[in-house]
Amino acid sequence: MRMKGNEVAQIKIFASAKINLTLAVLDKRPDGYHEVEMVMQSIALYDTLRIRSQKDGISLTVSGADLPLDENNLVWRAATLLQAKAKVKSGVHIHLAKRIPVAAGLGGGSADAAAALRALNMFWRLGLSQAEMMELGGALGSDVPFCIMGGTALARGRGELLTPLPPAPRLGLVLVKPPFSVSTAQTYAAYAGSTGRWRPDSKTMAAALFHGDVAAITRSLANDLETVTAVKHPEVRQIKDRLLAAGAPGALMSGSGPTVFGLTGDIGAARLVAARYRRSPGEQVLVSQTIDPAAHPPDLQ
């Protein structure tokens, strides 16, 4: 954070991706959404937002991905929403540097919107509480409140009703994003009930997290949407099989996909799995780890 006199001149903030350790799809709601129950986890894969003042209006630039620069971008919408709510007259320019793969099941857009709300709350000295920012974030997307809170949490409702869970151990991750994207809305629309042998059990996962039991965490990985996406894209199952063959104790699709993560006991083991993984053309392979932002916050400048 850079200061100019008593004014904030510039802020750089990091937006953390997420994975789903469990994702159970429940009944359909009157509003058209599905009830869900899932365990969500922040990971050490970040986009970066740089915010500086300008005379008026909201302007946005993006590097690292071809994204819209208007109301079709969640960062722009988050900034506009907060500006209107707080009746802020000054403008800002936001530069978003993308590293989280787009439309990948890793919550990149939600993470960016959450980071914009957090940064602008400081930049404009609004003094909003985390709870107030999470309420605002819920109007932007179901994952935005979690991305504001971060860490490890049980999510219910549309994903916005959050209960913090014990932080996950520092688990290693090998993230494999195939060369295509999926529509979250279409994936939920195609869901017709669980046909998998393993139903997601968030209570069991929460107990495994409480005890720091890596083997139990691995055994409890489950995602109702994985079968839906894998029917249309068999590559998802192939990636899982190759991650397991490379030595990952467990593997799961995150969110509605198509990214699949291999879970290991630590980041060193994840690097070994990534080195052994048989990559197919066009796949993006990233090594990361789970994080507790409260204990290991990324730099904010």
Protein backbone atom coordinates (compact mmCIF):
# COMPACT_ATOMS: atom_id res chain seq x y z
CA MET A 1 0.00 0.00 0.00
CA ARG A 2 1.48 3.36 -1.01
CA MET A 3 0.48 6.58 0.71
CA LYS A 4 0.44 10.14 -0.62
CA GLY A 5 0.09 12.40 2.38
CA ASN A 6 -2.92 11.03 4.23
CA GLU A 7 -4.37 9.50 1.06
CA VAL A 8 -3.90 5.97 -0.22
CA ALA A 9 -2.22 6.31 -3.63
CA GLN A 10 -2.01 2.71 -4.72
CA ILE A 11 -2.84 -0.78 -3.45
CA LYS A 12 -1.68 -4.16 -4.69
CA ILE A 13 -3.72 -7.09 -3.44
CA PHE A 14 -3.69 -10.84 -4.12
CA ALA A 15 -6.77 -12.90 -4.99
CA SER A 16 -6.56 -16.54 -3.89
CA ALA A 17 -8.08 -19.40 -5.90
CA LYS A 18 -10.12 -22.12 -4.20
CA ILE A 19 -10.77 -25.83 -4.55
CA ASN A 20 -13.69 -27.92 -3.34
CA LEU A 21 -12.72 -30.82 -1.08
CA THR A 22 -16.35 -31.95 -1.15
CA LEU A 23 -19.34 -30.80 -3.19
CA ALA A 24 -22.80 -32.28 -2.62
CA VAL A 25 -25.69 -31.09 -4.79
CA LEU A 26 -29.00 -31.16 -2.91
CA ASP A 27 -32.55 -30.08 -3.78
CA LYS A 28 -33.37 -27.44 -6.35
CA ARG A 29 -34.51 -24.15 -4.83
CA PRO A 30 -37.50 -21.98 -5.84
CA ASP A 31 -35.06 -19.40 -7.23
CA GLY A 32 -33.70 -21.97 -9.71
CA TYR A 33 -30.41 -22.58 -7.91
CA HIS A 34 -29.49 -25.87 -6.24
CA GLU A 35 -28.86 -26.18 -2.54
CA VAL A 36 -25.29 -27.30 -2.01
CA GLU A 37 -23.15 -28.49 0.85
CA MET A 38 -19.43 -28.32 0.28
CA VAL A 39 -16.08 -27.89 1.96
CA MET A 40 -14.13 -25.07 0.31
CA GLN A 41 -10.41 -24.42 0.64
CA SER A 42 -8.15 -21.49 -0.27
CA ILE A 43 -4.98 -22.33 -2.18
CA ALA A 44 -1.70 -20.57 -2.96
CA LEU A 45 -2.54 -19.64 -6.53
CA TYR A 46 -3.15 -15.93 -6.95
CA ASP A 47 -4.29 -13.26 -9.34
CA THR A 48 -3.03 -9.74 -8.60
CA LEU A 49 -5.02 -6.49 -8.56
CA ARG A 50 -3.38 -3.07 -8.59
CA ILE A 51 -5.60 -0.14 -7.75
CA ARG A 52 -4.79 3.54 -8.17
CA SER A 53 -6.86 6.69 -8.06
CA GLN A 54 -8.16 8.56 -11.06
CA LYS A 55 -10.39 11.61 -11.35
CA ASP A 56 -13.68 9.80 -11.81
CA GLY A 57 -15.27 6.61 -13.06
CA ILE A 58 -14.11 2.99 -12.95
CA SER A 59 -11.63 1.75 -15.51
CA LEU A 60 -10.18 -1.75 -15.83
CA THR A 61 -7.30 -3.36 -17.70
CA VAL A 62 -6.39 -7.05 -17.73
CA SER A 63 -3.23 -8.98 -18.55
CA GLY A 64 -2.80 -12.74 -18.77
CA ALA A 65 -6.29 -13.46 -20.13
CA ASP A 66 -8.76 -12.12 -22.68
CA LEU A 67 -11.54 -10.83 -20.43
CA PRO A 68 -14.22 -8.14 -20.79
CA LEU A 69 -13.45 -4.72 -19.34
CA ASP A 70 -17.01 -3.66 -18.50
CA GLU A 71 -20.06 -4.86 -16.57
CA ASN A 72 -19.41 -8.39 -17.82
CA ASN A 73 -16.33 -8.51 -15.59
CA LEU A 74 -16.90 -9.25 -11.86
CA VAL A 75 -14.09 -6.89 -10.82
CA TRP A 76 -15.76 -3.98 -12.63
CA ARG A 77 -19.13 -4.93 -11.14
CA ALA A 78 -17.66 -5.19 -7.62
CA ALA A 79 -16.04 -1.76 -7.89
CA THR A 80 -19.22 -0.18 -9.28
CA LEU A 81 -21.38 -1.81 -6.61
CA LEU A 82 -19.18 -0.60 -3.77
CA GLN A 83 -18.79 2.88 -5.24
CA ALA A 84 -22.58 3.25 -5.50
CA LYS A 85 -23.27 1.82 -2.03
CA ALA A 86 -20.72 4.05 -0.33
CA LYS A 87 -21.56 7.07 -2.52
CA VAL A 88 -17.89 7.51 -3.42
CA LYS A 89 -17.34 10.25 -6.00
CA SER A 90 -13.66 9.64 -6.79
CA GLY A 91 -12.72 7.09 -9.44
CA VAL A 92 -10.21 4.26 -9.61
CA HIS A 93 -8.23 2.40 -12.21
CA ILE A 94 -7.83 -1.33 -11.60
CA HIS A 95 -5.31 -3.56 -13.33
CA LEU A 96 -5.97 -7.29 -13.03
CA ALA A 97 -3.07 -9.66 -13.71
CA LYS A 98 -4.51 -13.15 -14.25
CA ARG A 99 -2.73 -16.35 -13.23
CA ILE A 100 -5.72 -18.42 -12.08
CA PRO A 101 -7.08 -20.27 -15.14
CA VAL A 102 -10.39 -18.87 -16.39
CA ALA A 103 -13.64 -20.90 -16.18
CA ALA A 104 -11.74 -23.71 -14.52
CA GLY A 105 -13.65 -24.50 -11.31
CA LEU A 106 -11.07 -22.62 -9.22
CA GLY A 107 -13.17 -19.54 -8.44
CA GLY A 108 -10.90 -17.07 -10.21
CA GLY A 109 -13.60 -14.55 -11.08
CA SER A 110 -15.08 -14.71 -7.59
CA ALA A 111 -11.62 -14.34 -6.04
CA ASP A 112 -10.97 -11.24 -8.15
CA ALA A 113 -14.30 -9.68 -7.17
CA ALA A 114 -13.63 -10.42 -3.50
CA ALA A 115 -10.17 -8.88 -3.71
CA ALA A 116 -11.61 -5.78 -5.38
CA LEU A 117 -14.13 -5.32 -2.55
CA ARG A 118 -11.44 -5.80 0.12
CA ALA A 119 -8.96 -3.48 -1.57
CA LEU A 120 -11.44 -0.71 -2.33
CA ASN A 121 -12.77 -0.88 1.23
CA MET A 122 -9.24 0.07 2.33
CA PHE A 123 -8.52 2.39 -0.59
CA TRP A 124 -11.63 4.48 0.03
CA ARG A 125 -11.34 4.09 3.84
CA LEU A 126 -14.93 2.84 4.10
CA GLY A 127 -14.49 0.78 7.26
CA LEU A 128 -16.83 -2.02 6.17
CA SER A 129 -16.65 -5.18 8.24
CA GLN A 130 -15.90 -8.55 6.70
CA ALA A 131 -19.54 -9.53 7.21
CA GLU A 132 -20.71 -6.41 5.34
CA MET A 133 -18.35 -7.13 2.45
CA MET A 134 -19.51 -10.76 2.34
CA GLU A 135 -23.13 -9.63 2.11
CA LEU A 136 -22.23 -7.36 -0.79
CA GLY A 137 -20.23 -10.13 -2.40
CA GLY A 138 -23.21 -12.48 -2.31
CA ALA A 139 -24.95 -10.22 -4.83
CA LEU A 140 -22.06 -10.78 -7.25
CA GLY A 141 -21.75 -14.56 -7.04
CA SER A 142 -22.19 -17.53 -4.73
CA ASP A 143 -18.43 -18.07 -4.21
CA VAL A 144 -17.57 -14.42 -3.55
CA PRO A 145 -18.39 -14.48 0.20
CA PHE A 146 -16.05 -17.46 0.71
CA CYS A 147 -13.31 -15.74 -1.26
CA ILE A 148 -13.64 -12.71 1.04
CA MET A 149 -13.41 -14.89 4.15
CA GLY A 150 -10.89 -17.43 2.83
CA GLY A 151 -9.35 -20.38 4.63
CA THR A 152 -11.37 -23.57 5.09
CA ALA A 153 -15.16 -23.49 5.38
CA LEU A 154 -18.36 -25.48 5.14
CA ALA A 155 -20.65 -23.78 2.61
CA ARG A 156 -24.40 -24.28 2.39
CA GLY A 157 -27.35 -22.61 0.67
CA ARG A 158 -26.11 -21.46 -2.74
CA GLY A 159 -22.62 -21.49 -1.24
CA GLU A 160 -22.95 -18.18 0.61
CA LEU A 161 -23.83 -19.60 4.07
CA LEU A 162 -20.41 -20.22 5.57
CA THR A 163 -19.15 -21.93 8.71
CA PRO A 164 -15.38 -21.72 9.30
CA LEU A 165 -13.65 -25.09 9.74
CA PRO A 166 -10.27 -25.98 11.24
CA PRO A 167 -7.51 -25.00 8.79
CA ALA A 168 -6.44 -27.81 6.50
CA PRO A 169 -2.88 -29.10 6.85
CA ARG A 170 -0.43 -27.64 4.32
CA LEU A 171 -1.33 -30.14 1.61
CA GLY A 172 0.35 -30.24 -1.77
CA LEU A 173 -1.66 -29.86 -4.95
CA VAL A 174 -1.09 -30.63 -8.61
CA LEU A 175 -3.68 -28.70 -10.62
CA VAL A 176 -4.39 -29.88 -14.16
CA LYS A 177 -6.54 -27.64 -16.37
CA PRO A 178 -7.43 -29.25 -19.72
CA PRO A 179 -7.63 -27.07 -22.84
CA PHE A 180 -11.35 -26.37 -22.58
CA SER A 181 -13.76 -24.69 -20.18
CA VAL A 182 -17.19 -25.64 -18.88
CA SER A 183 -20.29 -23.67 -17.98
CA THR A 184 -21.22 -23.87 -14.31
CA ALA A 185 -24.88 -23.13 -15.08
CA GLN A 186 -25.05 -25.85 -17.74
CA THR A 187 -23.34 -28.37 -15.46
CA TYR A 188 -25.85 -27.81 -12.65
CA ALA A 189 -28.72 -27.92 -15.16
CA ALA A 190 -27.53 -31.33 -16.37
CA TYR A 191 -27.24 -32.76 -12.86
CA ALA A 192 -29.88 -35.44 -12.34
CA GLY A 193 -28.89 -36.89 -8.97
CA SER A 194 -25.86 -38.72 -7.67
CA THR A 195 -24.88 -41.91 -9.44
CA GLY A 196 -21.44 -42.21 -7.87
CA ARG A 197 -20.42 -44.77 -5.31
CA TRP A 198 -19.06 -42.08 -3.01
CA ARG A 199 -21.52 -39.41 -1.91
CA PRO A 200 -19.85 -36.25 -0.66
CA ASP A 201 -19.87 -36.25 3.15
CA SER A 202 -18.90 -32.84 4.49
CA LYS A 203 -19.19 -33.93 8.13
CA THR A 204 -16.63 -36.66 7.61
CA MET A 205 -14.36 -34.23 5.78
CA ALA A 206 -14.75 -31.67 8.59
CA ALA A 207 -13.77 -34.32 11.16
CA ALA A 208 -10.73 -35.27 9.09
CA LEU A 209 -9.70 -31.61 8.94
CA PHE A 210 -10.21 -31.22 12.69
CA HIS A 211 -7.81 -34.10 13.34
CA GLY A 212 -5.38 -33.09 10.60
CA ASP A 213 -5.71 -36.61 9.20
CA VAL A 214 -4.34 -36.44 5.65
CA ALA A 215 -5.36 -40.02 4.84
CA ALA A 216 -8.94 -39.37 5.97
CA ILE A 217 -9.05 -36.09 4.04
CA THR A 218 -7.94 -37.98 0.93
CA ARG A 219 -10.54 -40.72 1.44
CA SER A 220 -13.30 -38.11 1.86
CA LEU A 221 -12.73 -36.29 -1.45
CA ALA A 222 -15.99 -36.34 -3.44
CA ASN A 223 -17.83 -34.12 -5.94
CA ASP A 224 -21.34 -34.76 -7.26
CA LEU A 225 -20.68 -32.66 -10.37
CA GLU A 226 -17.67 -34.68 -11.47
CA THR A 227 -19.79 -37.34 -13.18
CA VAL A 228 -21.78 -34.68 -15.05
CA THR A 229 -18.69 -32.99 -16.47
CA ALA A 230 -16.91 -36.29 -17.15
CA VAL A 231 -19.79 -37.54 -19.30
CA LYS A 232 -19.29 -34.64 -21.70
CA HIS A 233 -15.52 -34.49 -21.21
CA PRO A 234 -13.97 -37.95 -20.58
CA GLU A 235 -10.62 -36.16 -20.24
CA VAL A 236 -11.58 -35.42 -16.61
CA ARG A 237 -11.45 -39.11 -15.68
CA GLN A 238 -8.28 -39.57 -17.71
CA ILE A 239 -6.57 -36.74 -15.83
CA LYS A 240 -7.62 -38.28 -12.50
CA ASP A 241 -6.22 -41.65 -13.54
CA ARG A 242 -2.92 -40.11 -14.67
CA LEU A 243 -2.57 -38.11 -11.44
CA LEU A 244 -3.11 -41.26 -9.37
CA ALA A 245 -0.68 -43.19 -11.58
CA ALA A 246 1.88 -40.40 -11.02
CA GLY A 247 1.66 -40.98 -7.26
CA ALA A 248 -1.06 -38.63 -5.99
CA PRO A 249 -2.86 -40.39 -3.09
CA GLY A 250 -6.15 -38.75 -4.15
CA ALA A 251 -7.58 -36.72 -7.02
CA LEU A 252 -10.81 -34.80 -7.57
CA MET A 253 -12.40 -32.34 -9.97
CA SER A 254 -12.87 -28.91 -8.40
CA GLY A 255 -16.26 -27.20 -8.59
CA SER A 256 -17.97 -27.74 -11.93
CA GLY A 257 -14.57 -28.33 -13.49
CA PRO A 258 -12.80 -29.00 -15.60
CA THR A 259 -9.68 -28.56 -13.42
CA VAL A 260 -8.67 -31.70 -11.54
CA PHE A 261 -6.33 -31.57 -8.56
CA GLY A 262 -4.08 -34.29 -7.22
CA LEU A 263 -3.75 -34.12 -3.43
CA THR A 264 -0.47 -34.96 -1.67
CA GLY A 265 0.89 -34.71 1.86
CA ASP A 266 3.04 -31.65 1.13
CA ILE A 267 4.25 -29.45 -1.69
CA GLY A 268 7.46 -31.45 -2.13
CA ALA A 269 5.43 -34.56 -2.93
CA ALA A 270 3.25 -32.48 -5.28
CA ARG A 271 6.33 -31.43 -7.24
CA LEU A 272 7.33 -35.09 -7.64
CA VAL A 273 3.82 -36.00 -8.86
CA ALA A 274 3.88 -33.09 -11.33
CA ALA A 275 7.25 -34.25 -12.68
CA ARG A 276 5.90 -37.79 -13.23
CA TYR A 277 2.51 -36.73 -14.60
CA ARG A 278 2.00 -37.61 -18.29
CA ARG A 279 0.76 -34.34 -19.67
CA SER A 280 -1.54 -34.27 -22.69
CA PRO A 281 -1.24 -31.51 -25.32
CA GLY A 282 -2.80 -28.22 -24.23
CA GLU A 283 -3.02 -29.06 -20.53
CA GLN A 284 -1.91 -26.51 -17.95
CA VAL A 285 -0.19 -28.09 -14.93
CA LEU A 286 0.40 -26.02 -11.79
CA VAL A 287 1.85 -26.97 -8.40
CA SER A 288 0.30 -25.30 -5.37
CA GLN A 289 -0.72 -25.97 -1.78
CA THR A 290 -3.55 -25.31 0.65
CA ILE A 291 -3.25 -22.15 2.75
CA ASP A 292 -4.69 -20.53 5.83
CA PRO A 293 -4.74 -16.82 4.86
CA ALA A 294 -5.03 -15.79 8.52
CA ALA A 295 -1.75 -17.53 9.34
CA HIS A 296 0.03 -16.97 6.01
CA PRO A 297 -1.48 -13.88 4.37
CA PRO A 298 -0.07 -12.95 0.94
CA ASP A 299 1.59 -9.55 0.72
CA LEU A 300 -0.64 -6.54 0.40
CA GLN A 301 1.21 -3.41 -0.67
